[in-house]
Protein backbone atom coordinates (compact mmCIF):
# COMPACT_ATOMS: atom_id res chain seq x y z
CA UNK A 1 24.11 92.63 104.62
CA UNK A 2 20.82 91.27 103.68
CA UNK A 3 20.87 92.01 99.46
CA UNK A 4 16.52 92.89 99.14
CA UNK A 5 15.00 95.19 96.94
CA UNK A 6 11.19 96.51 95.54
CA UNK A 7 10.02 96.95 92.18
CA UNK A 8 7.23 97.90 92.04
CA UNK A 9 5.22 95.43 94.58
CA UNK A 10 8.32 92.25 93.67
CA UNK A 11 9.79 91.73 96.40
CA UNK A 12 13.35 90.51 94.65
CA UNK A 13 16.64 89.23 96.11
CA UNK A 14 18.19 86.90 99.19
CA UNK A 15 15.22 84.83 100.55
CA UNK A 16 12.98 84.88 97.69
CA UNK A 17 13.01 82.41 94.33
CA UNK A 18 15.18 83.80 91.23
CA UNK A 19 12.00 86.73 89.81
CA UNK A 20 11.30 86.12 85.59
CA UNK A 21 11.17 89.48 83.87
CA UNK A 22 10.11 88.70 80.29
CA UNK A 23 11.08 90.83 77.33
CA UNK A 24 9.10 92.02 75.02
CA UNK A 25 9.94 94.99 72.08
CA UNK A 26 8.17 97.54 70.08
CA UNK A 27 11.22 98.57 68.45
CA UNK A 28 11.54 96.93 64.71
CA UNK A 29 14.88 97.46 65.04
CA UNK A 30 15.83 95.14 67.81
CA UNK A 31 18.27 92.28 66.97
CA UNK A 32 16.03 89.34 67.96
CA UNK A 33 12.93 89.52 65.61
CA UNK A 34 10.99 86.96 67.49
CA UNK A 35 10.48 89.43 69.91
CA UNK A 36 8.80 92.75 68.58
CA UNK A 37 5.03 92.76 69.04
CA UNK A 38 3.92 95.70 65.94
CA UNK A 39 0.23 94.61 66.87
CA UNK A 40 -1.69 95.37 70.28
CA UNK A 41 -3.21 92.53 70.28
CA UNK A 42 0.15 90.62 69.32
CA UNK A 43 1.91 92.19 72.29
CA UNK A 44 -0.95 92.13 74.32
CA UNK A 45 -1.23 88.40 73.77
CA UNK A 46 2.39 87.76 74.42
CA UNK A 47 2.55 89.29 77.26
CA UNK A 48 -0.20 87.03 79.27
CA UNK A 49 1.60 83.85 77.92
CA UNK A 50 4.59 85.75 79.57
CA UNK A 51 2.80 85.83 82.86
CA UNK A 52 0.77 82.84 82.53
CA UNK A 53 4.37 81.17 82.27
CA UNK A 54 5.75 82.74 85.18
CA UNK A 55 7.00 86.14 84.63
CA UNK A 56 6.64 88.40 87.90
CA UNK A 57 7.37 91.84 85.65
CA UNK A 58 7.15 92.81 82.15
CA UNK A 59 9.54 94.61 80.15
CA UNK A 60 8.89 96.96 76.93
CA UNK A 61 11.93 98.31 75.32
CA UNK A 62 10.92 101.31 72.24
CA UNK A 63 13.80 101.87 70.47
CA UNK A 64 16.79 99.00 70.68
CA UNK A 65 19.10 99.01 72.57
CA UNK A 66 21.91 96.99 71.03
CA UNK A 67 25.48 98.31 71.16
CA UNK A 68 26.05 97.60 67.74
CA UNK A 69 22.85 97.76 65.40
CA UNK A 70 21.87 101.70 64.80
CA UNK A 71 18.58 102.00 66.53
CA UNK A 72 18.62 105.15 67.27
CA UNK A 73 15.39 107.23 67.35
CA UNK A 74 13.74 109.88 68.34
CA UNK A 75 12.88 111.06 71.91
CA UNK A 76 8.92 112.08 70.35
CA UNK A 77 8.93 108.35 68.23
CA UNK A 78 10.45 106.22 71.27
CA UNK A 79 7.50 108.65 73.70
CA UNK A 80 5.19 107.03 71.55
CA UNK A 81 5.68 103.55 71.12
CA UNK A 82 6.64 103.26 74.43
CA UNK A 83 3.37 104.75 76.27
CA UNK A 84 0.92 102.62 73.09
CA UNK A 85 1.80 99.77 74.29
CA UNK A 86 2.57 100.11 78.07
CA UNK A 87 -1.15 101.41 78.15
CA UNK A 88 -2.43 98.61 77.62
CA UNK A 89 -0.42 96.17 79.66
CA UNK A 90 -1.06 98.16 82.60
CA UNK A 91 -5.13 98.46 82.57
CA UNK A 92 -5.48 94.82 81.49
CA UNK A 93 -2.43 92.82 83.36
CA UNK A 94 -1.59 92.43 86.80
CA UNK A 95 2.07 92.67 86.73
CA UNK A 96 4.56 95.36 86.80
CA UNK A 97 5.30 97.23 83.94
CA UNK A 98 9.10 97.67 83.03
CA UNK A 99 9.76 101.17 80.64
CA UNK A 100 13.62 99.98 78.57
CA UNK A 101 14.41 103.22 78.02
CA UNK A 102 17.83 105.85 78.11
CA UNK A 103 15.88 109.04 78.16
CA UNK A 104 13.77 110.77 80.91
CA UNK A 105 10.87 111.93 77.70
CA UNK A 106 9.92 108.44 77.18
CA UNK A 107 10.22 107.58 80.45
CA UNK A 108 8.01 110.20 81.46
CA UNK A 109 5.45 108.74 78.39
CA UNK A 110 5.70 105.14 79.73
CA UNK A 111 5.10 105.73 83.89
CA UNK A 112 2.01 108.27 82.79
CA UNK A 113 0.55 105.25 80.50
CA UNK A 114 1.05 102.67 83.73
CA UNK A 115 5.37 101.81 84.00
CA UNK A 116 5.95 101.57 87.55
CA UNK A 117 9.95 100.70 87.20
CA UNK A 118 12.13 102.48 84.64
CA UNK A 119 14.81 99.70 83.51
CA UNK A 120 18.22 102.37 82.33
CA UNK A 121 20.85 100.46 80.49
CA UNK A 122 23.00 103.98 80.88
CA UNK A 123 22.96 103.75 84.19
CA UNK A 124 21.44 106.91 85.15
CA UNK A 125 24.62 108.44 82.79
CA UNK A 126 22.67 109.25 79.40
CA UNK A 127 19.91 111.66 81.07
CA UNK A 128 20.18 114.23 83.27
CA UNK A 129 17.22 114.12 84.28
CA UNK A 130 16.11 110.48 84.81
CA UNK A 131 17.06 110.13 88.11
CA UNK A 132 15.00 112.88 89.52
CA UNK A 133 11.92 111.37 87.42
CA UNK A 134 12.54 108.51 89.14
CA UNK A 135 12.93 110.03 92.84
CA UNK A 136 9.82 112.54 92.17
CA UNK A 137 7.60 109.47 90.50
CA UNK A 138 8.31 106.79 93.35
CA UNK A 139 9.60 103.96 90.07
CA UNK A 140 12.11 100.89 90.64
CA UNK A 141 15.06 101.43 89.46
CA UNK A 142 17.11 98.96 87.10
CA UNK A 143 21.03 100.66 86.76
CA UNK A 144 23.15 98.46 84.21
CA UNK A 145 26.68 98.63 83.59
CA UNK A 146 27.47 100.23 79.97
CA UNK A 147 30.96 100.92 78.70
CA UNK A 148 30.98 104.85 78.89
CA UNK A 149 34.47 105.28 76.98
CA UNK A 150 37.19 106.18 79.20
CA UNK A 151 37.13 103.28 81.65
CA UNK A 152 39.80 102.39 84.29
CA UNK A 153 42.30 99.16 83.84
CA UNK A 154 41.74 96.33 85.04
CA UNK A 155 39.47 93.13 85.18
CA UNK A 156 35.81 92.80 84.08
CA UNK A 157 33.91 92.29 87.22
CA UNK A 158 36.33 95.50 88.73
CA UNK A 159 34.88 97.40 85.88
CA UNK A 160 32.04 96.38 86.40
CA UNK A 161 31.50 97.09 89.77
CA UNK A 162 32.82 100.68 89.23
CA UNK A 163 30.64 101.32 86.36
CA UNK A 164 27.35 100.42 89.16
CA UNK A 165 29.27 102.51 92.25
CA UNK A 166 28.16 105.61 90.02
CA UNK A 167 25.02 105.08 89.26
CA UNK A 168 24.46 103.73 92.83
CA UNK A 169 25.55 107.52 93.55
CA UNK A 170 23.90 108.85 91.07
CA UNK A 171 20.20 107.65 92.48
CA UNK A 172 21.15 108.60 96.08
CA UNK A 173 21.86 112.11 94.80
CA UNK A 174 19.16 112.26 93.45
CA UNK A 175 17.02 110.15 96.56
CA UNK A 176 16.33 107.45 94.75
CA UNK A 177 16.12 104.70 98.07
CA UNK A 178 18.46 101.94 97.95
CA UNK A 179 15.87 99.55 97.81
CA UNK A 180 14.03 100.10 95.06
CA UNK A 181 17.65 99.39 92.77
CA UNK A 182 18.19 96.53 90.74
CA UNK A 183 21.78 96.21 90.04
CA UNK A 184 22.97 94.96 86.22
CA UNK A 185 26.17 93.65 84.97
CA UNK A 186 25.61 94.77 81.38
CA UNK A 187 26.11 91.18 79.89
CA UNK A 188 26.67 92.21 75.80
CA UNK A 189 27.26 95.99 76.20
CA UNK A 190 31.46 95.75 76.89
CA UNK A 191 32.27 95.52 72.71
CA UNK A 192 35.37 97.51 72.97
CA UNK A 193 37.18 96.56 75.42
CA UNK A 194 41.03 94.12 75.92
CA UNK A 195 38.99 90.81 76.04
CA UNK A 196 36.85 89.98 73.37
CA UNK A 197 33.09 90.40 73.48
CA UNK A 198 32.43 87.18 74.59
CA UNK A 199 35.25 86.07 77.00
CA UNK A 200 34.21 89.21 78.55
CA UNK A 201 30.42 88.72 79.27
CA UNK A 202 32.16 85.15 80.47
CA UNK A 203 34.39 86.65 83.17
CA UNK A 204 32.05 88.41 84.64
CA UNK A 205 29.34 85.93 84.88
CA UNK A 206 31.53 83.69 86.23
CA UNK A 207 32.70 86.53 89.41
CA UNK A 208 29.05 87.52 89.62
CA UNK A 209 29.16 86.95 93.20
CA UNK A 210 31.34 89.52 94.04
CA UNK A 211 29.09 91.72 93.21
CA UNK A 212 27.23 91.42 96.22
CA UNK A 213 29.23 93.88 98.03
CA UNK A 214 27.78 96.63 96.19
CA UNK A 215 24.34 95.90 98.21
CA UNK A 216 22.02 95.32 95.21
CA UNK A 217 20.24 92.26 93.84
CA UNK A 218 21.81 90.82 90.65
CA UNK A 219 19.03 90.92 87.37
CA UNK A 220 21.37 89.45 84.59
CA UNK A 221 20.05 89.17 81.39
CA UNK A 222 21.99 86.81 78.88
CA UNK A 223 18.56 85.77 76.86
CA UNK A 224 20.01 85.36 72.49
CA UNK A 225 22.94 87.36 72.77
CA UNK A 226 25.88 87.85 71.05
CA UNK A 227 28.82 86.20 73.32
CA UNK A 228 27.00 82.90 72.40
CA UNK A 229 26.70 82.73 69.52
CA UNK A 230 30.30 83.61 69.47
CA UNK A 231 30.78 81.25 71.33
CA UNK A 232 28.66 78.35 69.69
CA UNK A 233 28.81 79.45 66.10
CA UNK A 234 25.21 80.74 65.86
CA UNK A 235 24.56 84.44 64.18
CA UNK A 236 20.82 83.80 64.53
CA UNK A 237 19.60 84.38 68.07
CA UNK A 238 17.11 81.50 67.41
CA UNK A 239 19.56 79.34 67.98
CA UNK A 240 20.45 80.52 70.29
CA UNK A 241 18.27 79.35 73.32
CA UNK A 242 19.84 75.89 74.99
CA UNK A 243 22.66 78.14 74.86
CA UNK A 244 20.76 80.79 77.72
CA UNK A 245 19.63 78.78 79.29
CA UNK A 246 23.01 77.04 79.76
CA UNK A 247 24.54 80.82 80.92
CA UNK A 248 21.43 81.71 83.10
CA UNK A 249 20.93 78.49 85.10
CA UNK A 250 25.13 79.32 85.73
CA UNK A 251 24.02 83.09 86.30
CA UNK A 252 21.37 81.80 89.03
CA UNK A 253 24.08 79.65 90.37
CA UNK A 254 26.72 82.06 90.96
CA UNK A 255 24.21 84.98 92.54
CA UNK A 256 22.05 86.05 90.15
CA UNK A 257 18.64 87.18 91.77
CA UNK A 258 16.11 88.10 88.76
CA UNK A 259 16.25 86.77 84.81
CA UNK A 260 15.56 88.64 82.00
CA UNK A 261 14.76 86.82 79.45
CA UNK A 262 12.74 86.17 75.42
CA UNK A 263 11.97 82.90 77.20
CA UNK A 264 10.10 82.54 79.97
CA UNK A 265 8.25 79.42 80.22
CA UNK A 266 11.71 77.22 79.33
CA UNK A 267 13.97 79.51 81.31
CA UNK A 268 11.37 79.55 84.53
CA UNK A 269 12.35 75.37 84.16
CA UNK A 270 16.28 75.97 84.19
CA UNK A 271 15.52 78.56 86.70
CA UNK A 272 14.31 77.07 89.02
CA UNK A 273 16.52 73.49 88.60
CA UNK A 274 19.94 75.46 89.41
CA UNK A 275 18.21 77.24 92.46
CA UNK A 276 17.82 73.98 94.12
CA UNK A 277 20.98 73.44 93.33
CA UNK A 278 22.64 76.16 94.29
CA UNK A 279 20.68 75.61 97.76
CA UNK A 280 22.24 72.44 98.41
CA UNK A 281 25.62 74.17 98.19
CA UNK A 282 28.12 74.13 101.33
C-alpha cells in the first residue's frame, strides 16, 4: 500500500519529500500572537516569505481552534475573515491555500475566494454539510482527530486511529475520493483524557507509524504547542521553537509526510535532516 495523496496539485506521501504547510492566522484570539497578521500587506508579505522558504501550502485560520481558549466567533465573521485573507493570497501567490475551519459556510466562502483545501480539525464531525461541500467542490481535505466525548478507552494512538477511521468513513460516504485526503493525529487536542496532555501527545508522536494502517498520508502539527511548554517549562510560545524543531524531526523519522508550522525556514532544515536519517534506516 502506497501512502499518497494529491492536495490541490501537491502530491504528498511515500516517495515524495516531506511537504511544509505554513500557518497564517487572521484571528486575533489565536494562541500564538506572532502568527497573526491583521493588515493585508503584512499577511501577503508573511505568506510570500513562507513560500520562498519552502512552504508548498499555506493554511489560513480565521478562528482559533485552541481547545483551551474561549475563541468561538459567528460563522459570518469567520467567513468574512477567511474570504478577505484568502482572496489576495490565492491571486498573488502560486501556492495552494488551505482554509482551517470546521464550518461549511466559512469553508464555502474560502473556496469561493480561491482556497482549494479544507483543513477540518473536527474531522468532518462538527458540521454535517462539510463533507458534501468538499466533495462537490473537488477540494483537498485534511481531517484531524479530536476528542469528542464518550471515546472508548485504549492507548492514545488506538483512539486517534479510531477517530480518524470515522472521519474517513464520513468523507467516503459523501463522495470525497480517498486520494484527496490526508489525516492528522491532532497533537494538542486531547485535553480530557486519563493522561496529562503532554504524555498523550508524546505517546502519539512515538507511535505515528502505526497510523499508516489508515492508508492515508500523515500531517503533523507540533509548532509552538503547549505540550512542548509543559515538557520544557516554557509558558510563552515564543520560547518553544527548539522544542518544536525537535518534535518535528522525530515526527518525520516516525513517518510524517506533511508538517504544519509557523516557522517554515527553520522547520525545513530540521525536516531535511530528519528525512536523511529516515532514509538511512534499515
